[in-house]
Amino acid sequence: MKEKVTYKIAGVDIEAGNRAVELIKNVVRSTFRPEVLTDIGGFSGLFSLDKNKYTNPVLVSSTDGVGTKLKIAQMINKHNTIGIDLVAMCANDIIVQGAEPLFLLDYLAVGKLVPETVAAIVEGIAAGCRKAGCALLGGETAEMPGFYSEDEYDLAGFVVGVVEKDKIIDGSKIEEGDKILGIASSGLHSNGYSMVRKVLLEDAGINLMDVPLQFETTLSDIVLTPTKIYVRSILDLINNCNVKGLAHITGGGITQNLSRILPDGLDAFVETKLWTIPRIFNLIQELGNVETSEMFTAFNMGIGMIAVVSQSETEKAKQLLEASGEKVYLIGEIRSGEGAVKYDW
């Protein structure tokens, strides 16, 4: 007699999905803001914008993923920090326009739904949301056997924030003589991992559990260090200082991301000797024989966020950021030019 096919036999375990939801309920609720009107498990999430708080609010949204860094997490079966990266990549992208992140939605696609793994991933997302001050309003977990292998998953996030229309930061007020402040990254963040894997793992053959020479911890700890979330320090900065431009240094590095906010006729002149480049970047460059210009396009090189301020407010801005716990460097200035980033190596 022919076996009766069930959804579970086909590869989708609805009961496992329900168990995963039960495991994450409390950690998701820990991110809720007063404006959240719904609980976890509904068809959608509701968020009430406080009409007394804003005069002319503009909603700002962004979506992103974590990229190849997920492969590292999957290789060593460590899943509770990768969600911080997800929130950072989304929330840092809207804070550069002065927007406070309000809520985030996540999308998790897995080859096989293991409730404990899902719970660990969401634990990281919730930790990131608490750091960013936004609610984890909802999400979707899709079990897709045959599309992903059993140990594979992909992760995406969608964030919505708000800014007053007259306080949008877009770089249009940047002018010649303004100063460029570089805010330190926590390491690789979430970009350049295809090169990390090729140079360090494939070509150099370094094991993720090895401690590379001149380092104090394993390679896995170094490359899985979560992306820094700058939301609270940048909100404090823009509330107390006239910030003319902000750039989140992600894929494309300083070279491509800082140029995105430059008005026509202006260059950003960056002196790379003015900050200490973390050793992990030096290791990649040496072992991979990578050109310096390529490194500054593929990686953040130790600068995760950039703020452009007037010369008169430079010291004030630096002190505000340092009071928020950031490590800050004066790394350059704005000069006349054609809208490019130029370096003094």
C-alpha atoms as a PDB file:
ATOM      1  CA  MET A   1       0.000   0.000   0.000  1.00  0.00           C
ATOM      2  CA  LYS A   2       1.365   3.370  -0.984  1.00  0.00           C
ATOM      3  CA  GLU A   3       2.507   5.528   1.945  1.00  0.00           C
ATOM      4  CA  LYS A   4       0.363   8.565   2.671  1.00  0.00           C
ATOM      5  CA  VAL A   5       2.310  11.740   2.173  1.00  0.00           C
ATOM      6  CA  THR A   6       2.219  14.352   4.923  1.00  0.00           C
ATOM      7  CA  TYR A   7       3.736  17.813   5.038  1.00  0.00           C
ATOM      8  CA  LYS A   8       6.282  16.488   7.570  1.00  0.00           C
ATOM      9  CA  ILE A   9       7.322  13.656   5.256  1.00  0.00           C
ATOM     10  CA  ALA A  10       7.728  16.270   2.500  1.00  0.00           C
ATOM     11  CA  GLY A  11      10.175  18.064   4.767  1.00  0.00           C
ATOM     12  CA  VAL A  12       8.152  20.755   6.558  1.00  0.00           C
ATOM     13  CA  ASP A  13       7.542  20.249  10.275  1.00  0.00           C
ATOM     14  CA  ILE A  14       4.690  22.513  11.415  1.00  0.00           C
ATOM     15  CA  GLU A  15       4.976  21.285  15.011  1.00  0.00           C
ATOM     16  CA  ALA A  16       8.648  22.287  15.093  1.00  0.00           C
ATOM     17  CA  GLY A  17       7.621  25.725  13.872  1.00  0.00           C
ATOM     18  CA  ASN A  18       5.102  26.038  16.671  1.00  0.00           C
ATOM     19  CA  ARG A  19       7.721  25.007  19.218  1.00  0.00           C
ATOM     20  CA  ALA A  20      10.080  27.634  17.836  1.00  0.00           C
ATOM     21  CA  VAL A  21       7.427  30.316  18.301  1.00  0.00           C
ATOM     22  CA  GLU A  22       6.937  29.276  21.924  1.00  0.00           C
ATOM     23  CA  LEU A  23      10.698  29.446  22.530  1.00  0.00           C
ATOM     24  CA  ILE A  24      11.023  32.996  21.176  1.00  0.00           C
ATOM     25  CA  LYS A  25       7.874  34.641  22.585  1.00  0.00           C
ATOM     26  CA  ASN A  26       9.442  36.124  25.711  1.00  0.00           C
ATOM     27  CA  VAL A  27      12.637  37.299  24.035  1.00  0.00           C
ATOM     28  CA  VAL A  28      10.605  39.038  21.313  1.00  0.00           C
ATOM     29  CA  ARG A  29       8.372  40.720  23.900  1.00  0.00           C
ATOM     30  CA  SER A  30      11.523  42.044  25.617  1.00  0.00           C
ATOM     31  CA  THR A  31      12.003  44.388  22.637  1.00  0.00           C
ATOM     32  CA  PHE A  32       8.502  45.892  22.628  1.00  0.00           C
ATOM     33  CA  ARG A  33       8.070  49.642  22.889  1.00  0.00           C
ATOM     34  CA  PRO A  34       4.889  51.270  24.268  1.00  0.00           C
ATOM     35  CA  GLU A  35       3.723  51.919  20.698  1.00  0.00           C
ATOM     36  CA  VAL A  36       3.450  48.208  19.886  1.00  0.00           C
ATOM     37  CA  LEU A  37      -0.227  47.177  19.777  1.00  0.00           C
ATOM     38  CA  THR A  38       0.021  43.484  18.884  1.00  0.00           C
ATOM     39  CA  ASP A  39       1.586  40.376  20.373  1.00  0.00           C
ATOM     40  CA  ILE A  40       3.689  37.778  18.606  1.00  0.00           C
ATOM     41  CA  GLY A  41       1.786  35.282  16.460  1.00  0.00           C
ATOM     42  CA  GLY A  42      -0.589  37.540  14.547  1.00  0.00           C
ATOM     43  CA  PHE A  43      -0.841  37.971  10.793  1.00  0.00           C
ATOM     44  CA  SER A  44       0.839  41.367  11.050  1.00  0.00           C
ATOM     45  CA  GLY A  45       2.300  43.775  13.566  1.00  0.00           C
ATOM     46  CA  LEU A  46       0.693  47.062  14.589  1.00  0.00           C
ATOM     47  CA  PHE A  47       2.654  50.092  15.720  1.00  0.00           C
ATOM     48  CA  SER A  48       1.017  53.358  16.791  1.00  0.00           C
ATOM     49  CA  LEU A  49       3.026  56.461  15.929  1.00  0.00           C
ATOM     50  CA  ASP A  50       2.720  59.043  18.709  1.00  0.00           C
ATOM     51  CA  LYS A  51       1.083  62.005  16.953  1.00  0.00           C
ATOM     52  CA  ASN A  52       1.963  64.324  19.841  1.00  0.00           C
ATOM     53  CA  LYS A  53       5.685  63.594  19.488  1.00  0.00           C
ATOM     54  CA  TYR A  54       6.140  64.691  15.864  1.00  0.00           C
ATOM     55  CA  THR A  55       5.227  67.758  13.827  1.00  0.00           C
ATOM     56  CA  ASN A  56       5.964  66.548  10.307  1.00  0.00           C
ATOM     57  CA  PRO A  57       7.152  62.935  10.565  1.00  0.00           C
ATOM     58  CA  VAL A  58       8.798  61.117   7.675  1.00  0.00           C
ATOM     59  CA  LEU A  59       9.038  57.332   7.743  1.00  0.00           C
ATOM     60  CA  VAL A  60      12.420  55.934   6.753  1.00  0.00           C
ATOM     61  CA  SER A  61      12.909  52.285   5.840  1.00  0.00           C
ATOM     62  CA  SER A  62      15.717  49.950   4.868  1.00  0.00           C
ATOM     63  CA  THR A  63      16.290  46.257   4.291  1.00  0.00           C
ATOM     64  CA  ASP A  64      19.466  44.202   4.493  1.00  0.00           C
ATOM     65  CA  GLY A  65      20.910  40.817   5.319  1.00  0.00           C
ATOM     66  CA  VAL A  66      24.070  39.474   6.919  1.00  0.00           C
ATOM     67  CA  GLY A  67      25.662  37.924   3.853  1.00  0.00           C
ATOM     68  CA  THR A  68      28.438  35.346   3.796  1.00  0.00           C
ATOM     69  CA  LYS A  69      29.136  35.829   7.504  1.00  0.00           C
ATOM     70  CA  LEU A  70      26.227  33.431   7.997  1.00  0.00           C
ATOM     71  CA  LYS A  71      28.413  30.657   6.590  1.00  0.00           C
ATOM     72  CA  ILE A  72      30.922  31.135   9.412  1.00  0.00           C
ATOM     73  CA  ALA A  73      28.168  30.884  12.028  1.00  0.00           C
ATOM     74  CA  GLN A  74      26.841  27.744  10.388  1.00  0.00           C
ATOM     75  CA  MET A  75      30.299  26.168  10.137  1.00  0.00           C
ATOM     76  CA  ILE A  76      30.854  26.335  13.903  1.00  0.00           C
ATOM     77  CA  ASN A  77      27.200  26.016  14.949  1.00  0.00           C
ATOM     78  CA  LYS A  78      27.098  29.394  16.729  1.00  0.00           C
ATOM     79  CA  HIS A  79      23.881  31.255  16.030  1.00  0.00           C
ATOM     80  CA  ASN A  80      23.128  33.621  18.935  1.00  0.00           C
ATOM     81  CA  THR A  81      25.050  36.692  17.708  1.00  0.00           C
ATOM     82  CA  ILE A  82      24.346  36.752  13.985  1.00  0.00           C
ATOM     83  CA  GLY A  83      21.007  38.470  14.655  1.00  0.00           C
ATOM     84  CA  ILE A  84      22.855  41.444  16.136  1.00  0.00           C
ATOM     85  CA  ASP A  85      24.556  41.833  12.769  1.00  0.00           C
ATOM     86  CA  LEU A  86      21.177  41.807  11.060  1.00  0.00           C
ATOM     87  CA  VAL A  87      19.787  44.610  13.210  1.00  0.00           C
ATOM     88  CA  ALA A  88      23.005  46.611  12.885  1.00  0.00           C
ATOM     89  CA  MET A  89      23.029  46.450   9.103  1.00  0.00           C
ATOM     90  CA  CYS A  90      19.430  47.703   8.960  1.00  0.00           C
ATOM     91  CA  ALA A  91      19.320  50.206  11.820  1.00  0.00           C
ATOM     92  CA  ASN A  92      22.695  51.813  11.038  1.00  0.00           C
ATOM     93  CA  ASP A  93      21.471  52.463   7.494  1.00  0.00           C
ATOM     94  CA  ILE A  94      18.552  54.627   8.605  1.00  0.00           C
ATOM     95  CA  ILE A  95      20.271  56.416  11.476  1.00  0.00           C
ATOM     96  CA  VAL A  96      22.526  58.106   8.902  1.00  0.00           C
ATOM     97  CA  GLN A  97      19.500  60.145   7.803  1.00  0.00           C
ATOM     98  CA  GLY A  98      18.704  61.067  11.373  1.00  0.00           C
ATOM     99  CA  ALA A  99      15.910  58.516  11.720  1.00  0.00           C
ATOM    100  CA  GLU A 100      15.180  56.765  15.008  1.00  0.00           C
ATOM    101  CA  PRO A 101      14.489  53.058  14.356  1.00  0.00           C
ATOM    102  CA  LEU A 102      10.966  52.169  15.514  1.00  0.00           C
ATOM    103  CA  PHE A 103      10.524  48.530  14.615  1.00  0.00           C
ATOM    104  CA  LEU A 104      12.107  45.679  12.697  1.00  0.00           C
ATOM    105  CA  LEU A 105      10.710  42.625  10.918  1.00  0.00           C
ATOM    106  CA  ASP A 106      12.854  39.584  10.205  1.00  0.00           C
ATOM    107  CA  TYR A 107      12.710  36.840   7.590  1.00  0.00           C
ATOM    108  CA  LEU A 108      14.439  33.536   8.323  1.00  0.00           C
ATOM    109  CA  ALA A 109      14.585  30.786   5.687  1.00  0.00           C
ATOM    110  CA  VAL A 110      15.906  27.388   6.782  1.00  0.00           C
ATOM    111  CA  GLY A 111      16.539  24.019   5.206  1.00  0.00           C
ATOM    112  CA  LYS A 112      15.354  22.197   8.324  1.00  0.00           C
ATOM    113  CA  LEU A 113      13.600  23.951  11.172  1.00  0.00           C
ATOM    114  CA  VAL A 114      15.364  23.215  14.449  1.00  0.00           C
ATOM    115  CA  PRO A 115      13.495  25.156  17.169  1.00  0.00           C
ATOM    116  CA  GLU A 116      16.596  25.651  19.326  1.00  0.00           C
ATOM    117  CA  THR A 117      18.569  27.096  16.397  1.00  0.00           C
ATOM    118  CA  VAL A 118      15.721  29.432  15.500  1.00  0.00           C
ATOM    119  CA  ALA A 119      15.500  30.525  19.126  1.00  0.00           C
ATOM    120  CA  ALA A 120      19.243  31.276  19.214  1.00  0.00           C
ATOM    121  CA  ILE A 121      19.036  33.339  16.021  1.00  0.00           C
ATOM    122  CA  VAL A 122      16.039  35.321  17.297  1.00  0.00           C
ATOM    123  CA  GLU A 123      17.799  35.799  20.647  1.00  0.00           C
ATOM    124  CA  GLY A 124      20.496  37.685  18.733  1.00  0.00           C
ATOM    125  CA  ILE A 125      17.945  39.702  16.762  1.00  0.00           C
ATOM    126  CA  ALA A 126      16.194  40.693  19.994  1.00  0.00           C
ATOM    127  CA  ALA A 127      19.520  41.678  21.592  1.00  0.00           C
ATOM    128  CA  GLY A 128      20.230  43.880  18.585  1.00  0.00           C
ATOM    129  CA  CYS A 129      16.784  45.449  18.743  1.00  0.00           C
ATOM    130  CA  ARG A 130      17.264  46.290  22.415  1.00  0.00           C
ATOM    131  CA  LYS A 131      20.607  47.927  21.569  1.00  0.00           C
ATOM    132  CA  ALA A 132      18.969  49.926  18.779  1.00  0.00           C
ATOM    133  CA  GLY A 133      15.885  50.770  20.834  1.00  0.00           C
ATOM    134  CA  CYS A 134      13.486  49.321  18.268  1.00  0.00           C
ATOM    135  CA  ALA A 135      10.793  46.698  18.621  1.00  0.00           C
ATOM    136  CA  LEU A 136      10.973  43.305  16.961  1.00  0.00           C
ATOM    137  CA  LEU A 137       7.448  43.688  15.632  1.00  0.00           C
ATOM    138  CA  GLY A 138       7.133  40.456  13.722  1.00  0.00           C
ATOM    139  CA  GLY A 139       8.774  38.046  11.340  1.00  0.00           C
ATOM    140  CA  GLU A 140       8.544  34.959   9.200  1.00  0.00           C
ATOM    141  CA  THR A 141      10.295  31.612   9.437  1.00  0.00           C
ATOM    142  CA  ALA A 142      10.131  29.563   6.250  1.00  0.00           C
ATOM    143  CA  GLU A 143      11.194  25.909   6.163  1.00  0.00           C
ATOM    144  CA  MET A 144      12.410  25.188   2.616  1.00  0.00           C
ATOM    145  CA  PRO A 145      13.777  21.646   2.235  1.00  0.00           C
ATOM    146  CA  GLY A 146      15.418  21.090  -1.130  1.00  0.00           C
ATOM    147  CA  PHE A 147      16.148  24.786  -1.497  1.00  0.00           C
ATOM    148  CA  TYR A 148      18.584  24.949   1.442  1.00  0.00           C
ATOM    149  CA  SER A 149      20.536  22.039   2.907  1.00  0.00           C
ATOM    150  CA  GLU A 150      19.515  20.949   6.421  1.00  0.00           C
ATOM    151  CA  ASP A 151      22.167  23.063   8.178  1.00  0.00           C
ATOM    152  CA  GLU A 152      21.742  26.160   5.990  1.00  0.00           C
ATOM    153  CA  TYR A 153      19.674  29.263   6.583  1.00  0.00           C
ATOM    154  CA  ASP A 154      19.415  32.809   5.292  1.00  0.00           C
ATOM    155  CA  LEU A 155      18.387  35.894   7.186  1.00  0.00           C
ATOM    156  CA  ALA A 156      16.971  39.265   6.165  1.00  0.00           C
ATOM    157  CA  GLY A 157      15.680  42.264   8.079  1.00  0.00           C
ATOM    158  CA  PHE A 158      13.356  45.171   7.349  1.00  0.00           C
ATOM    159  CA  VAL A 159      13.469  48.256   9.571  1.00  0.00           C
ATOM    160  CA  VAL A 160      11.215  51.322   9.765  1.00  0.00           C
ATOM    161  CA  GLY A 161      12.163  54.529  11.521  1.00  0.00           C
ATOM    162  CA  VAL A 162      11.009  58.122  11.753  1.00  0.00           C
ATOM    163  CA  VAL A 163      12.583  61.581  11.451  1.00  0.00           C
ATOM    164  CA  GLU A 164      11.156  65.078  11.399  1.00  0.00           C
ATOM    165  CA  LYS A 165      11.164  66.327   7.803  1.00  0.00           C
ATOM    166  CA  ASP A 166      13.236  69.402   8.599  1.00  0.00           C
ATOM    167  CA  LYS A 167      15.835  67.295  10.417  1.00  0.00           C
ATOM    168  CA  ILE A 168      16.625  64.820   7.629  1.00  0.00           C
ATOM    169  CA  ILE A 169      20.387  64.458   7.195  1.00  0.00           C
ATOM    170  CA  ASP A 170      21.342  63.994   3.546  1.00  0.00           C
ATOM    171  CA  GLY A 171      24.768  65.607   3.143  1.00  0.00           C
ATOM    172  CA  SER A 172      23.446  68.567   1.175  1.00  0.00           C
ATOM    173  CA  LYS A 173      24.784  71.051   3.758  1.00  0.00           C
ATOM    174  CA  ILE A 174      28.339  69.732   3.660  1.00  0.00           C
ATOM    175  CA  GLU A 175      30.821  72.401   2.592  1.00  0.00           C
ATOM    176  CA  GLU A 176      34.523  72.892   2.075  1.00  0.00           C
ATOM    177  CA  GLY A 177      36.473  72.926   5.344  1.00  0.00           C
ATOM    178  CA  ASP A 178      34.125  70.581   7.226  1.00  0.00           C
ATOM    179  CA  LYS A 179      35.810  67.853   9.232  1.00  0.00           C
ATOM    180  CA  ILE A 180      35.418  64.093   8.947  1.00  0.00           C
ATOM    181  CA  LEU A 181      35.091  62.076  12.150  1.00  0.00           C
ATOM    182  CA  GLY A 182      35.605  58.330  11.967  1.00  0.00           C
ATOM    183  CA  ILE A 183      33.864  56.189  14.583  1.00  0.00           C
ATOM    184  CA  ALA A 184      35.597  52.884  15.260  1.00  0.00           C
ATOM    185  CA  SER A 185      34.119  49.604  14.109  1.00  0.00           C
ATOM    186  CA  SER A 186      34.075  46.476  16.255  1.00  0.00           C
ATOM    187  CA  GLY A 187      35.993  44.605  13.570  1.00  0.00           C
ATOM    188  CA  LEU A 188      34.968  43.198  10.206  1.00  0.00           C
ATOM    189  CA  HIS A 189      31.267  43.919  10.785  1.00  0.00           C
ATOM    190  CA  SER A 190      29.322  42.122   8.011  1.00  0.00           C
ATOM    191  CA  ASN A 191      31.158  42.883   4.789  1.00  0.00           C
ATOM    192  CA  GLY A 192      33.992  41.331   2.856  1.00  0.00           C
ATOM    193  CA  TYR A 193      33.409  37.789   4.085  1.00  0.00           C
ATOM    194  CA  SER A 194      33.839  36.219   0.657  1.00  0.00           C
ATOM    195  CA  MET A 195      37.410  37.515   0.764  1.00  0.00           C
ATOM    196  CA  VAL A 196      37.784  36.463   4.413  1.00  0.00           C
ATOM    197  CA  ARG A 197      36.817  32.901   3.531  1.00  0.00           C
ATOM    198  CA  LYS A 198      39.037  32.738   0.450  1.00  0.00           C
ATOM    199  CA  VAL A 199      42.153  34.302   1.989  1.00  0.00           C
ATOM    200  CA  LEU A 200      42.055  32.950   5.537  1.00  0.00           C
ATOM    201  CA  LEU A 201      40.148  29.672   5.297  1.00  0.00           C
ATOM    202  CA  GLU A 202      40.696  28.394   1.753  1.00  0.00           C
ATOM    203  CA  ASP A 203      44.117  29.736   0.711  1.00  0.00           C
ATOM    204  CA  ALA A 204      45.874  30.073   4.095  1.00  0.00           C
ATOM    205  CA  GLY A 205      44.103  27.042   5.558  1.00  0.00           C
ATOM    206  CA  ILE A 206      43.556  28.600   8.985  1.00  0.00           C
ATOM    207  CA  ASN A 207      41.125  26.623  11.124  1.00  0.00           C
ATOM    208  CA  LEU A 208      38.326  28.706  12.650  1.00  0.00           C
ATOM    209  CA  MET A 209      39.223  27.337  16.084  1.00  0.00           C
ATOM    210  CA  ASP A 210      42.912  28.303  15.695  1.00  0.00           C
ATOM    211  CA  VAL A 211      44.403  31.356  17.400  1.00  0.00           C
ATOM    212  CA  PRO A 212      46.349  33.210  14.682  1.00  0.00           C
ATOM    213  CA  LEU A 213      49.816  34.524  15.493  1.00  0.00           C
ATOM    214  CA  GLN A 214      49.760  37.847  17.405  1.00  0.00           C
ATOM    215  CA  PHE A 215      46.088  37.363  18.338  1.00  0.00           C
ATOM    216  CA  GLU A 216      44.641  36.457  21.729  1.00  0.00           C
ATOM    217  CA  THR A 217      41.497  34.643  20.634  1.00  0.00           C
ATOM    218  CA  THR A 218      40.291  32.170  18.033  1.00  0.00           C
ATOM    219  CA  LEU A 219      39.677  33.159  14.443  1.00  0.00           C
ATOM    220  CA  SER A 220      35.999  32.265  14.880  1.00  0.00           C
ATOM    221  CA  ASP A 221      35.634  34.760  17.735  1.00  0.00           C
ATOM    222  CA  ILE A 222      37.345  37.449  15.664  1.00  0.00           C
ATOM    223  CA  VAL A 223      35.272  36.992  12.519  1.00  0.00           C
ATOM    224  CA  LEU A 224      31.973  36.515  14.370  1.00  0.00           C
ATOM    225  CA  THR A 225      32.327  39.662  16.494  1.00  0.00           C
ATOM    226  CA  PRO A 226      28.938  41.375  15.974  1.00  0.00           C
ATOM    227  CA  THR A 227      28.577  44.514  13.920  1.00  0.00           C
ATOM    228  CA  LYS A 228      28.487  47.593  16.120  1.00  0.00           C
ATOM    229  CA  ILE A 229      25.106  49.308  16.478  1.00  0.00           C
ATOM    230  CA  TYR A 230      25.584  53.093  16.476  1.00  0.00           C
ATOM    231  CA  VAL A 231      21.963  54.164  16.958  1.00  0.00           C
ATOM    232  CA  ARG A 232      22.038  55.527  20.508  1.00  0.00           C
ATOM    233  CA  SER A 233      25.347  57.379  20.168  1.00  0.00           C
ATOM    234  CA  ILE A 234      24.361  58.910  16.832  1.00  0.00           C
ATOM    235  CA  LEU A 235      20.935  59.962  18.114  1.00  0.00           C
ATOM    236  CA  ASP A 236      22.639  61.699  21.017  1.00  0.00           C
ATOM    237  CA  LEU A 237      25.049  63.355  18.609  1.00  0.00           C
ATOM    238  CA  ILE A 238      22.399  64.719  16.236  1.00  0.00           C
ATOM    239  CA  ASN A 239      20.273  65.941  19.144  1.00  0.00           C
ATOM    240  CA  ASN A 240      23.147  68.032  20.449  1.00  0.00           C
ATOM    241  CA  CYS A 241      25.218  68.935  17.426  1.00  0.00           C
ATOM    242  CA  ASN A 242      24.736  70.142  13.844  1.00  0.00           C
ATOM    243  CA  VAL A 243      25.638  67.005  11.921  1.00  0.00           C
ATOM    244  CA  LYS A 244      25.888  67.672   8.187  1.00  0.00           C
ATOM    245  CA  GLY A 245      26.417  64.161   6.947  1.00  0.00           C
ATOM    246  CA  LEU A 246      26.609  60.548   8.127  1.00  0.00           C
ATOM    247  CA  ALA A 247      27.837  57.467   6.307  1.00  0.00           C
ATOM    248  CA  HIS A 248      27.502  53.840   7.384  1.00  0.00           C
ATOM    249  CA  ILE A 249      30.662  52.083   6.191  1.00  0.00           C
ATOM    250  CA  THR A 250      29.513  48.767   4.772  1.00  0.00           C
ATOM    251  CA  GLY A 251      30.085  47.060   1.398  1.00  0.00           C
ATOM    252  CA  GLY A 252      32.244  49.358  -0.687  1.00  0.00           C
ATOM    253  CA  GLY A 253      34.133  50.600   2.356  1.00  0.00           C
ATOM    254  CA  ILE A 254      34.923  54.235   3.019  1.00  0.00           C
ATOM    255  CA  THR A 255      35.624  54.722  -0.682  1.00  0.00           C
ATOM    256  CA  GLN A 256      32.092  54.150  -1.921  1.00  0.00           C
ATOM    257  CA  ASN A 257      29.966  54.932   1.130  1.00  0.00           C
ATOM    258  CA  LEU A 258      31.398  58.322   2.062  1.00  0.00           C
ATOM    259  CA  SER A 259      31.161  59.455  -1.564  1.00  0.00           C
ATOM    260  CA  ARG A 260      27.383  58.795  -1.464  1.00  0.00           C
ATOM    261  CA  ILE A 261      26.794  61.846   0.744  1.00  0.00           C
ATOM    262  CA  LEU A 262      29.191  64.299  -0.934  1.00  0.00           C
ATOM    263  CA  PRO A 263      27.625  67.243  -2.787  1.00  0.00           C
ATOM    264  CA  ASP A 264      28.848  68.003  -6.295  1.00  0.00           C
ATOM    265  CA  GLY A 265      32.174  69.824  -6.362  1.00  0.00           C
ATOM    266  CA  LEU A 266      33.489  68.474  -3.075  1.00  0.00           C
ATOM    267  CA  ASP A 267      35.961  65.720  -2.200  1.00  0.00           C
ATOM    268  CA  ALA A 268      36.511  63.890   1.061  1.00  0.00           C
ATOM    269  CA  PHE A 269      40.229  63.799   1.868  1.00  0.00           C
ATOM    270  CA  VAL A 270      41.006  60.947   4.270  1.00  0.00           C
ATOM    271  CA  GLU A 271      44.320  60.386   6.049  1.00  0.00           C
ATOM    272  CA  THR A 272      44.593  56.687   6.846  1.00  0.00           C
ATOM    273  CA  LYS A 273      47.465  57.187   9.307  1.00  0.00           C
ATOM    274  CA  LEU A 274      45.139  59.005  11.725  1.00  0.00           C
ATOM    275  CA  TRP A 275      43.588  55.835  13.158  1.00  0.00           C
ATOM    276  CA  THR A 276      44.767  52.367  14.100  1.00  0.00           C
ATOM    277  CA  ILE A 277      43.656  49.725  11.611  1.00  0.00           C
ATOM    278  CA  PRO A 278      42.663  46.513  13.460  1.00  0.00           C
ATOM    279  CA  ARG A 279      45.065  43.597  13.010  1.00  0.00           C
ATOM    280  CA  ILE A 280      42.523  41.356  11.296  1.00  0.00           C
ATOM    281  CA  PHE A 281      42.631  43.627   8.251  1.00  0.00           C
ATOM    282  CA  ASN A 282      46.428  43.560   8.226  1.00  0.00           C
ATOM    283  CA  LEU A 283      46.355  39.752   8.377  1.00  0.00           C
ATOM    284  CA  ILE A 284      43.978  39.530   5.401  1.00  0.00           C
ATOM    285  CA  GLN A 285      46.041  41.992   3.381  1.00  0.00           C
ATOM    286  CA  GLU A 286      49.339  40.226   4.084  1.00  0.00           C
ATOM    287  CA  LEU A 287      48.139  36.656   3.495  1.00  0.00           C
ATOM    288  CA  GLY A 288      46.098  37.573   0.445  1.00  0.00           C
ATOM    289  CA  ASN A 289      48.585  40.046  -1.047  1.00  0.00           C
ATOM    290  CA  VAL A 290      45.702  42.506  -1.380  1.00  0.00           C
ATOM    291  CA  GLU A 291      46.255  46.035  -2.661  1.00  0.00           C
ATOM    292  CA  THR A 292      45.567  48.770  -0.102  1.00  0.00           C
ATOM    293  CA  SER A 293      42.994  50.420  -2.354  1.00  0.00           C
ATOM    294  CA  GLU A 294      41.189  47.061  -2.663  1.00  0.00           C
ATOM    295  CA  MET A 295      41.170  46.661   1.118  1.00  0.00           C
ATOM    296  CA  PHE A 296      39.543  50.070   1.526  1.00  0.00           C
ATOM    297  CA  THR A 297      36.838  49.086  -0.951  1.00  0.00           C
ATOM    298  CA  ALA A 298      36.096  45.623   0.444  1.00  0.00           C
ATOM    299  CA  PHE A 299      36.291  46.384   4.189  1.00  0.00           C
ATOM    300  CA  ASN A 300      35.548  49.116   6.726  1.00  0.00           C
ATOM    301  CA  MET A 301      39.228  49.064   7.820  1.00  0.00           C
ATOM    302  CA  GLY A 302      38.313  49.934  11.400  1.00  0.00           C
ATOM    303  CA  ILE A 303      35.862  52.777  10.719  1.00  0.00           C
ATOM    304  CA  GLY A 304      32.221  51.710  10.940  1.00  0.00           C
ATOM    305  CA  MET A 305      30.498  55.087  10.812  1.00  0.00           C
ATOM    306  CA  ILE A 306      31.513  58.556   9.627  1.00  0.00           C
ATOM    307  CA  ALA A 307      30.143  61.929  10.714  1.00  0.00           C
ATOM    308  CA  VAL A 308      30.805  65.195   8.882  1.00  0.00           C
ATOM    309  CA  VAL A 309      30.616  68.347  11.014  1.00  0.00           C
ATOM    310  CA  SER A 310      31.777  71.932  10.760  1.00  0.00           C
ATOM    311  CA  GLN A 311      35.244  72.776  12.033  1.00  0.00           C
ATOM    312  CA  SER A 312      33.767  74.791  14.897  1.00  0.00           C
ATOM    313  CA  GLU A 313      31.784  71.785  16.189  1.00  0.00           C
ATOM    314  CA  THR A 314      34.423  69.119  15.679  1.00  0.00           C
ATOM    315  CA  GLU A 315      35.644  68.935  19.271  1.00  0.00           C
ATOM    316  CA  LYS A 316      32.113  69.069  20.683  1.00  0.00           C
ATOM    317  CA  ALA A 317      30.989  66.228  18.404  1.00  0.00           C
ATOM    318  CA  LYS A 318      34.021  64.163  19.294  1.00  0.00           C
ATOM    319  CA  GLN A 319      33.390  64.609  23.014  1.00  0.00           C
ATOM    320  CA  LEU A 320      29.709  63.695  22.646  1.00  0.00           C
ATOM    321  CA  LEU A 321      30.553  60.486  20.834  1.00  0.00           C
ATOM    322  CA  GLU A 322      33.252  59.562  23.327  1.00  0.00           C
ATOM    323  CA  ALA A 323      30.819  60.184  26.183  1.00  0.00           C
ATOM    324  CA  SER A 324      28.543  57.617  24.495  1.00  0.00           C
ATOM    325  CA  GLY A 325      31.370  55.087  24.621  1.00  0.00           C
ATOM    326  CA  GLU A 326      32.623  55.436  21.057  1.00  0.00           C
ATOM    327  CA  LYS A 327      36.244  55.555  19.955  1.00  0.00           C
ATOM    328  CA  VAL A 328      36.506  58.531  17.605  1.00  0.00           C
ATOM    329  CA  TYR A 329      39.193  59.798  15.239  1.00  0.00           C
ATOM    330  CA  LEU A 330      39.508  63.021  13.250  1.00  0.00           C
ATOM    331  CA  ILE A 331      40.394  61.365   9.933  1.00  0.00           C
ATOM    332  CA  GLY A 332      40.095  64.065   7.310  1.00  0.00           C
ATOM    333  CA  GLU A 333      38.343  67.059   5.836  1.00  0.00           C
ATOM    334  CA  ILE A 334      36.168  68.215   2.961  1.00  0.00           C
ATOM    335  CA  ARG A 335      37.904  69.936   0.052  1.00  0.00           C
ATOM    336  CA  SER A 336      36.875  71.204  -3.368  1.00  0.00           C
ATOM    337  CA  GLY A 337      36.872  68.503  -6.030  1.00  0.00           C
ATOM    338  CA  GLU A 338      34.576  66.247  -8.028  1.00  0.00           C
ATOM    339  CA  GLY A 339      32.691  64.268  -5.395  1.00  0.00           C
ATOM    340  CA  ALA A 340      35.252  61.559  -4.692  1.00  0.00           C
ATOM    341  CA  VAL A 341      37.019  60.092  -1.674  1.00  0.00           C
ATOM    342  CA  LYS A 342      40.767  60.612  -1.832  1.00  0.00           C
ATOM    343  CA  TYR A 343      43.381  59.155   0.469  1.00  0.00           C
ATOM    344  CA  ASP A 344      46.701  60.043   1.954  1.00  0.00           C
ATOM    345  CA  TRP A 345      48.101  56.557   2.529  1.00  0.00           C
END
